[in-house]
């Protein structure tokens, strides 16, 4: 016997092909009695849907493209790795493959990858803020898309994002509540909107306590471990030493703590540290890092839910994940 088709399974179960597809894809829309009947036929025949058959039947590629940039690659950035992991986890449940494609934009010229240009994907998930020129090209092709971890949610774009102003405010308030008033800031001006949000939250918390800090304690040139180390070195070279440092990312804090220890300071006894992200490394550095948790796996799961809704022509509103949950570890002490 040749490979069974969805139509043949439907005939054997006495239901429509659409009902079989609902069962195969774990969707609602069929009764439990129908679902049980279809599952019984699938189990009895050991049916495994052929991807090519599904593509022909549903007129879909069953592929979601994760569009990556050099600044947001899940292969290099632990934050985006966890988002990609959440996306992959949910894709399995709906029979979708995840493909990766690098995308760029220089002087408003957008060389689209073949998988997108040829429309061999049902939808696209972008990581981080994406230029209008790129999104305009995707709109011309009519391919649904979702943007994850945008720092400037747009009313016309479905986005899964965190409120980094709230995260920074929560982190700084946490330090203030533990007696710290001399608090330095390490952020990244290379992502302007992210920097503006995180600094706004930091400053809001200080303003509420009527506090000001030396200009040398505001370092905005962090982009990776090395530059964050240099930012901390500048803070420690200033006339005054802070009792605590807020970092706009875990990787910045981990490197800044290393700098402080290299300069002979004890963490957290001499200088406390707090950050945003809760990446895997924050649990294993020494001391373990207190941070604001951004649920990156959930961002990936929500992105998959939203892109599937858009592929099916359903509404998919933007979603903000919880952005003020403090994960207490060992890098902050009370004064």
Protein backbone atom coordinates (compact mmCIF):
# COMPACT_ATOMS: atom_id res chain seq x y z
CA UNK A 1 0.00 0.00 0.00
CA UNK A 2 1.29 3.47 -0.88
CA UNK A 3 1.40 6.36 1.55
CA UNK A 4 -2.01 7.34 2.88
CA UNK A 5 -3.31 10.84 2.27
CA UNK A 6 -5.38 13.13 4.45
CA UNK A 7 -8.36 12.50 2.17
CA UNK A 8 -8.04 8.73 2.64
CA UNK A 9 -7.79 9.09 6.43
CA UNK A 10 -10.88 11.30 6.34
CA UNK A 11 -12.79 8.68 4.30
CA UNK A 12 -11.80 5.89 6.69
CA UNK A 13 -12.90 7.96 9.69
CA UNK A 14 -16.10 9.12 8.00
CA UNK A 15 -15.24 12.80 8.42
CA UNK A 16 -14.13 15.69 6.23
CA UNK A 17 -10.47 16.32 5.32
CA UNK A 18 -10.76 19.61 7.20
CA UNK A 19 -11.67 17.71 10.39
CA UNK A 20 -8.57 15.53 9.97
CA UNK A 21 -6.40 18.63 9.53
CA UNK A 22 -7.84 20.13 12.74
CA UNK A 23 -6.92 16.97 14.63
CA UNK A 24 -3.44 16.74 13.10
CA UNK A 25 -2.72 20.37 13.97
CA UNK A 26 -4.24 20.24 17.45
CA UNK A 27 -6.84 22.87 16.61
CA UNK A 28 -10.30 23.35 18.07
CA UNK A 29 -13.35 23.03 15.82
CA UNK A 30 -14.14 19.30 16.04
CA UNK A 31 -16.02 17.35 18.70
CA UNK A 32 -14.22 15.03 21.08
CA UNK A 33 -16.03 12.12 19.45
CA UNK A 34 -14.72 13.10 16.00
CA UNK A 35 -11.24 13.72 17.38
CA UNK A 36 -11.20 10.26 18.99
CA UNK A 37 -12.38 8.62 15.76
CA UNK A 38 -9.69 10.33 13.68
CA UNK A 39 -6.98 9.52 16.23
CA UNK A 40 -8.06 5.88 16.25
CA UNK A 41 -7.66 5.65 12.45
CA UNK A 42 -4.30 7.44 12.63
CA UNK A 43 -3.06 5.02 15.30
CA UNK A 44 -4.40 1.92 13.50
CA UNK A 45 -2.82 2.88 10.17
CA UNK A 46 0.35 4.34 11.73
CA UNK A 47 -0.30 7.38 9.55
CA UNK A 48 2.37 10.04 9.29
CA UNK A 49 1.36 13.06 7.21
CA UNK A 50 3.72 13.69 4.29
CA UNK A 51 4.93 17.30 4.39
CA UNK A 52 4.67 17.67 0.61
CA UNK A 53 1.09 16.37 0.70
CA UNK A 54 0.22 18.79 3.46
CA UNK A 55 1.75 21.63 1.48
CA UNK A 56 -0.31 20.77 -1.58
CA UNK A 57 -3.51 20.18 0.37
CA UNK A 58 -3.32 23.33 2.52
CA UNK A 59 -1.43 25.47 -0.02
CA UNK A 60 1.12 26.32 2.65
CA UNK A 61 4.86 25.78 3.02
CA UNK A 62 4.58 24.96 6.75
CA UNK A 63 7.72 27.01 7.27
CA UNK A 64 8.17 30.08 9.46
CA UNK A 65 11.26 32.17 8.76
CA UNK A 66 13.15 33.68 11.66
CA UNK A 67 14.76 36.78 10.15
CA UNK A 68 17.99 37.56 11.96
CA UNK A 69 20.37 40.49 12.00
CA UNK A 70 23.99 40.71 13.08
CA UNK A 71 22.84 42.64 16.16
CA UNK A 72 20.17 40.10 17.15
CA UNK A 73 21.41 36.67 16.13
CA UNK A 74 20.23 33.76 18.31
CA UNK A 75 23.57 32.11 17.51
CA UNK A 76 25.51 34.88 19.28
CA UNK A 77 23.09 36.49 21.75
CA UNK A 78 21.74 34.41 24.67
CA UNK A 79 18.67 36.67 24.95
CA UNK A 80 17.60 35.90 21.39
CA UNK A 81 18.65 32.26 21.67
CA UNK A 82 15.96 31.76 24.32
CA UNK A 83 13.34 33.52 22.16
CA UNK A 84 14.23 31.21 19.26
CA UNK A 85 13.96 28.23 21.62
CA UNK A 86 10.43 29.24 22.61
CA UNK A 87 9.50 29.66 18.96
CA UNK A 88 10.85 26.21 18.09
CA UNK A 89 9.03 24.63 21.01
CA UNK A 90 5.64 25.91 19.86
CA UNK A 91 6.31 25.25 16.17
CA UNK A 92 6.48 21.50 16.78
CA UNK A 93 2.95 21.43 18.16
CA UNK A 94 1.59 22.91 14.93
CA UNK A 95 3.69 20.95 12.45
CA UNK A 96 5.79 23.91 11.33
CA UNK A 97 9.48 24.08 10.54
CA UNK A 98 11.59 27.08 11.55
CA UNK A 99 14.05 28.38 8.97
CA UNK A 100 16.71 31.03 9.53
CA UNK A 101 17.47 33.81 7.08
CA UNK A 102 19.79 36.78 7.47
CA UNK A 103 18.28 40.05 6.37
CA UNK A 104 19.87 43.47 5.98
CA UNK A 105 19.13 47.00 4.89
CA UNK A 106 21.72 49.47 3.66
CA UNK A 107 20.74 52.89 2.33
CA UNK A 108 17.13 51.66 2.06
CA UNK A 109 18.21 48.81 -0.24
CA UNK A 110 16.80 45.48 0.94
CA UNK A 111 18.30 42.34 -0.65
CA UNK A 112 15.67 39.81 0.41
CA UNK A 113 16.71 36.18 0.98
CA UNK A 114 15.39 33.75 -1.64
CA UNK A 115 13.06 32.00 0.81
CA UNK A 116 11.27 35.33 1.35
CA UNK A 117 11.52 36.75 -2.16
CA UNK A 118 10.12 33.50 -3.62
CA UNK A 119 7.42 33.36 -0.91
CA UNK A 120 8.54 29.92 0.25
CA UNK A 121 7.56 30.82 3.80
CA UNK A 122 4.14 31.26 5.38
CA UNK A 123 5.26 33.95 7.81
CA UNK A 124 8.24 35.83 9.19
CA UNK A 125 9.33 36.54 12.75
CA UNK A 126 11.72 39.48 13.06
CA UNK A 127 14.01 39.87 16.05
CA UNK A 128 14.47 43.41 17.39
CA UNK A 129 13.51 46.71 15.76
CA UNK A 130 13.26 46.37 11.98
CA UNK A 131 13.64 49.15 9.43
CA UNK A 132 10.52 50.41 7.67
CA UNK A 133 12.19 49.73 4.32
CA UNK A 134 12.34 46.01 5.14
CA UNK A 135 8.78 45.84 6.43
CA UNK A 136 7.53 47.72 3.36
CA UNK A 137 9.11 45.08 1.09
CA UNK A 138 7.46 42.30 3.11
CA UNK A 139 4.11 44.12 2.91
CA UNK A 140 4.45 44.23 -0.89
CA UNK A 141 4.84 40.44 -0.93
CA UNK A 142 1.84 39.99 1.36
CA UNK A 143 3.68 37.77 3.83
CA UNK A 144 2.45 38.00 7.46
CA UNK A 145 5.05 38.97 10.05
CA UNK A 146 5.57 39.61 13.75
CA UNK A 147 8.32 41.67 15.41
CA UNK A 148 9.76 40.35 18.69
CA UNK A 149 11.55 42.57 21.20
CA UNK A 150 10.83 45.82 19.42
CA UNK A 151 11.62 48.90 21.48
CA UNK A 152 9.14 51.08 19.59
CA UNK A 153 5.78 49.26 19.33
CA UNK A 154 3.86 50.53 16.31
CA UNK A 155 0.07 50.49 16.11
CA UNK A 156 0.24 48.95 12.63
CA UNK A 157 2.62 46.12 13.57
CA UNK A 158 2.03 43.01 15.67
CA UNK A 159 4.78 43.05 18.28
CA UNK A 160 5.82 40.94 21.26
CA UNK A 161 7.81 43.20 23.54
CA UNK A 162 8.98 44.08 27.03
CA UNK A 163 8.51 47.40 28.81
CA UNK A 164 12.16 48.25 29.48
CA UNK A 165 11.33 51.55 31.16
CA UNK A 166 9.31 49.60 33.72
CA UNK A 167 12.13 47.04 34.07
CA UNK A 168 14.73 49.73 34.74
CA UNK A 169 12.43 51.51 37.18
CA UNK A 170 11.78 48.26 39.09
CA UNK A 171 15.49 47.43 39.25
CA UNK A 172 16.47 50.90 40.48
CA UNK A 173 13.65 50.97 43.04
CA UNK A 174 14.90 47.62 44.32
CA UNK A 175 18.31 49.16 44.98
CA UNK A 176 16.80 52.25 46.60
CA UNK A 177 14.64 50.13 48.91
CA UNK A 178 17.81 48.40 50.12
CA UNK A 179 19.41 51.68 51.09
CA UNK A 180 21.44 52.45 47.97
CA UNK A 181 21.41 56.07 46.88
CA UNK A 182 24.72 56.27 45.02
CA UNK A 183 23.73 54.31 41.92
CA UNK A 184 25.58 54.27 38.59
CA UNK A 185 24.14 53.39 35.17
CA UNK A 186 25.58 51.26 32.35
CA UNK A 187 23.53 51.17 29.13
CA UNK A 188 23.84 51.05 25.37
CA UNK A 189 23.34 54.03 23.07
CA UNK A 190 23.88 51.70 20.09
CA UNK A 191 20.18 50.83 20.42
CA UNK A 192 18.80 54.35 20.90
CA UNK A 193 15.20 53.47 21.78
CA UNK A 194 16.27 50.77 24.22
CA UNK A 195 18.71 53.18 25.84
CA UNK A 196 16.09 55.93 26.13
CA UNK A 197 13.60 53.55 27.73
CA UNK A 198 16.01 52.01 30.21
CA UNK A 199 17.53 55.35 31.18
CA UNK A 200 14.06 56.90 31.58
CA UNK A 201 13.10 54.18 34.07
CA UNK A 202 16.38 54.60 35.95
CA UNK A 203 16.01 58.38 36.15
CA UNK A 204 12.34 58.18 37.14
CA UNK A 205 13.23 56.10 40.18
CA UNK A 206 16.03 58.50 41.18
CA UNK A 207 13.79 61.54 40.65
CA UNK A 208 11.11 60.07 42.90
CA UNK A 209 13.73 59.91 45.65
CA UNK A 210 15.07 63.39 44.78
CA UNK A 211 18.51 61.97 43.99
CA UNK A 212 21.14 63.07 41.49
CA UNK A 213 24.38 61.35 40.50
CA UNK A 214 27.73 62.43 38.97
CA UNK A 215 27.85 62.52 35.17
CA UNK A 216 30.77 60.06 35.20
CA UNK A 217 28.44 57.41 36.64
CA UNK A 218 26.32 57.42 33.48
CA UNK A 219 28.04 55.19 30.92
CA UNK A 220 26.18 54.52 27.67
CA UNK A 221 28.77 52.91 25.41
CA UNK A 222 28.23 49.26 26.36
CA UNK A 223 27.63 46.93 23.43
CA UNK A 224 29.27 43.69 24.57
CA UNK A 225 31.38 42.25 27.40
CA UNK A 226 34.53 44.22 26.57
CA UNK A 227 32.84 47.60 26.23
CA UNK A 228 30.80 47.03 29.41
CA UNK A 229 34.07 46.27 31.25
CA UNK A 230 35.48 49.59 30.01
CA UNK A 231 32.33 51.43 31.11
CA UNK A 232 32.73 50.05 34.63
CA UNK A 233 36.40 50.95 34.62
CA UNK A 234 35.48 54.58 33.86
CA UNK A 235 33.00 54.59 36.74
CA UNK A 236 35.66 53.26 39.11
CA UNK A 237 38.11 55.89 37.85
CA UNK A 238 35.78 58.74 38.84
CA UNK A 239 36.19 60.84 41.97
CA UNK A 240 33.44 58.93 43.82
CA UNK A 241 32.61 55.24 43.88
CA UNK A 242 28.93 54.19 43.74
CA UNK A 243 27.47 51.69 46.19
CA UNK A 244 25.47 50.05 43.38
CA UNK A 245 25.30 49.82 39.58
CA UNK A 246 22.23 49.28 37.41
CA UNK A 247 23.06 47.63 34.07
CA UNK A 248 20.63 47.55 31.14
CA UNK A 249 21.56 43.94 30.36
CA UNK A 250 22.83 40.90 32.26
CA UNK A 251 25.88 40.50 30.05
CA UNK A 252 26.87 44.10 30.87
CA UNK A 253 26.49 43.42 34.60
CA UNK A 254 28.48 40.18 34.50
CA UNK A 255 31.37 41.98 32.80
CA UNK A 256 31.07 45.03 35.08
CA UNK A 257 31.24 42.78 38.15
CA UNK A 258 34.41 41.21 36.75
CA UNK A 259 35.92 44.67 36.34
CA UNK A 260 35.04 45.63 39.93
CA UNK A 261 36.60 42.43 41.27
CA UNK A 262 39.70 42.95 39.14
CA UNK A 263 40.03 46.39 40.71
CA UNK A 264 39.91 44.87 44.21
CA UNK A 265 36.27 45.56 45.11
CA UNK A 266 34.05 42.93 46.72
CA UNK A 267 30.64 42.21 45.19
CA UNK A 268 28.15 42.90 46.71
CA UNK A 269 29.83 44.09 49.93
CA UNK A 270 31.54 47.08 48.28
CA UNK A 271 29.42 47.47 45.14
CA UNK A 272 26.05 45.85 44.37
CA UNK A 273 24.85 45.04 40.85
CA UNK A 274 21.42 44.54 39.27
CA UNK A 275 20.41 44.16 35.63
CA UNK A 276 17.65 43.23 33.16
CA UNK A 277 17.20 39.94 31.24
CA UNK A 278 17.78 36.85 33.42
CA UNK A 279 19.82 35.03 30.79
CA UNK A 280 21.20 31.60 31.68
CA UNK A 281 24.65 32.93 32.62
CA UNK A 282 23.19 35.15 35.35
CA UNK A 283 22.54 32.03 37.46
CA UNK A 284 26.10 30.79 37.23
CA UNK A 285 28.33 33.87 37.52
CA UNK A 286 29.93 34.70 40.88
CA UNK A 287 28.08 36.09 42.67
CA UNK A 288 24.82 35.02 41.06
CA UNK A 289 23.19 38.06 39.51
CA UNK A 290 20.04 39.72 40.81
CA UNK A 291 18.07 40.79 37.74
CA UNK A 292 14.67 41.67 36.27
CA UNK A 293 13.33 38.60 34.52
CA UNK A 294 12.14 38.92 30.93
CA UNK A 295 10.49 35.63 29.93
CA UNK A 296 12.20 35.12 26.58
CA UNK A 297 10.82 31.61 26.03
CA UNK A 298 7.32 33.02 26.46
CA UNK A 299 8.11 35.79 23.97
CA UNK A 300 8.96 33.07 21.44
CA UNK A 301 5.79 31.11 22.22
CA UNK A 302 3.65 34.24 21.89
CA UNK A 303 5.36 35.09 18.60
CA UNK A 304 4.46 31.65 17.22
CA UNK A 305 0.85 32.04 18.38
CA UNK A 306 0.61 35.47 16.77
CA UNK A 307 2.20 34.54 13.43
CA UNK A 308 -0.07 31.49 13.10
CA UNK A 309 -3.10 33.69 13.75
CA UNK A 310 -1.95 36.13 11.07
CA UNK A 311 -1.33 33.29 8.61
CA UNK A 312 -4.93 32.18 9.20
CA UNK A 313 -6.16 35.73 8.64
CA UNK A 314 -7.12 36.25 12.27
CA UNK A 315 -6.43 39.34 14.40
CA UNK A 316 -3.17 39.27 16.36
CA UNK A 317 -2.77 42.22 18.73
CA UNK A 318 0.59 43.20 20.18
CA UNK A 319 1.49 41.70 23.56
CA UNK A 320 3.73 43.05 26.33
CA UNK A 321 5.30 40.42 28.58
CA UNK A 322 5.75 40.88 32.33
CA UNK A 323 8.61 43.32 32.76
CA UNK A 324 9.05 44.02 36.50
CA UNK A 325 9.63 40.63 38.15
CA UNK A 326 12.80 40.78 40.26
CA UNK A 327 14.81 37.57 40.53
CA UNK A 328 16.72 37.91 43.81
CA UNK A 329 20.15 36.28 43.92
CA UNK A 330 23.42 37.33 45.54
CA UNK A 331 24.70 40.48 43.81
CA UNK A 332 22.83 43.05 45.93
CA UNK A 333 23.30 43.71 49.63
CA UNK A 334 21.46 45.99 52.03
CA UNK A 335 23.17 49.08 53.39
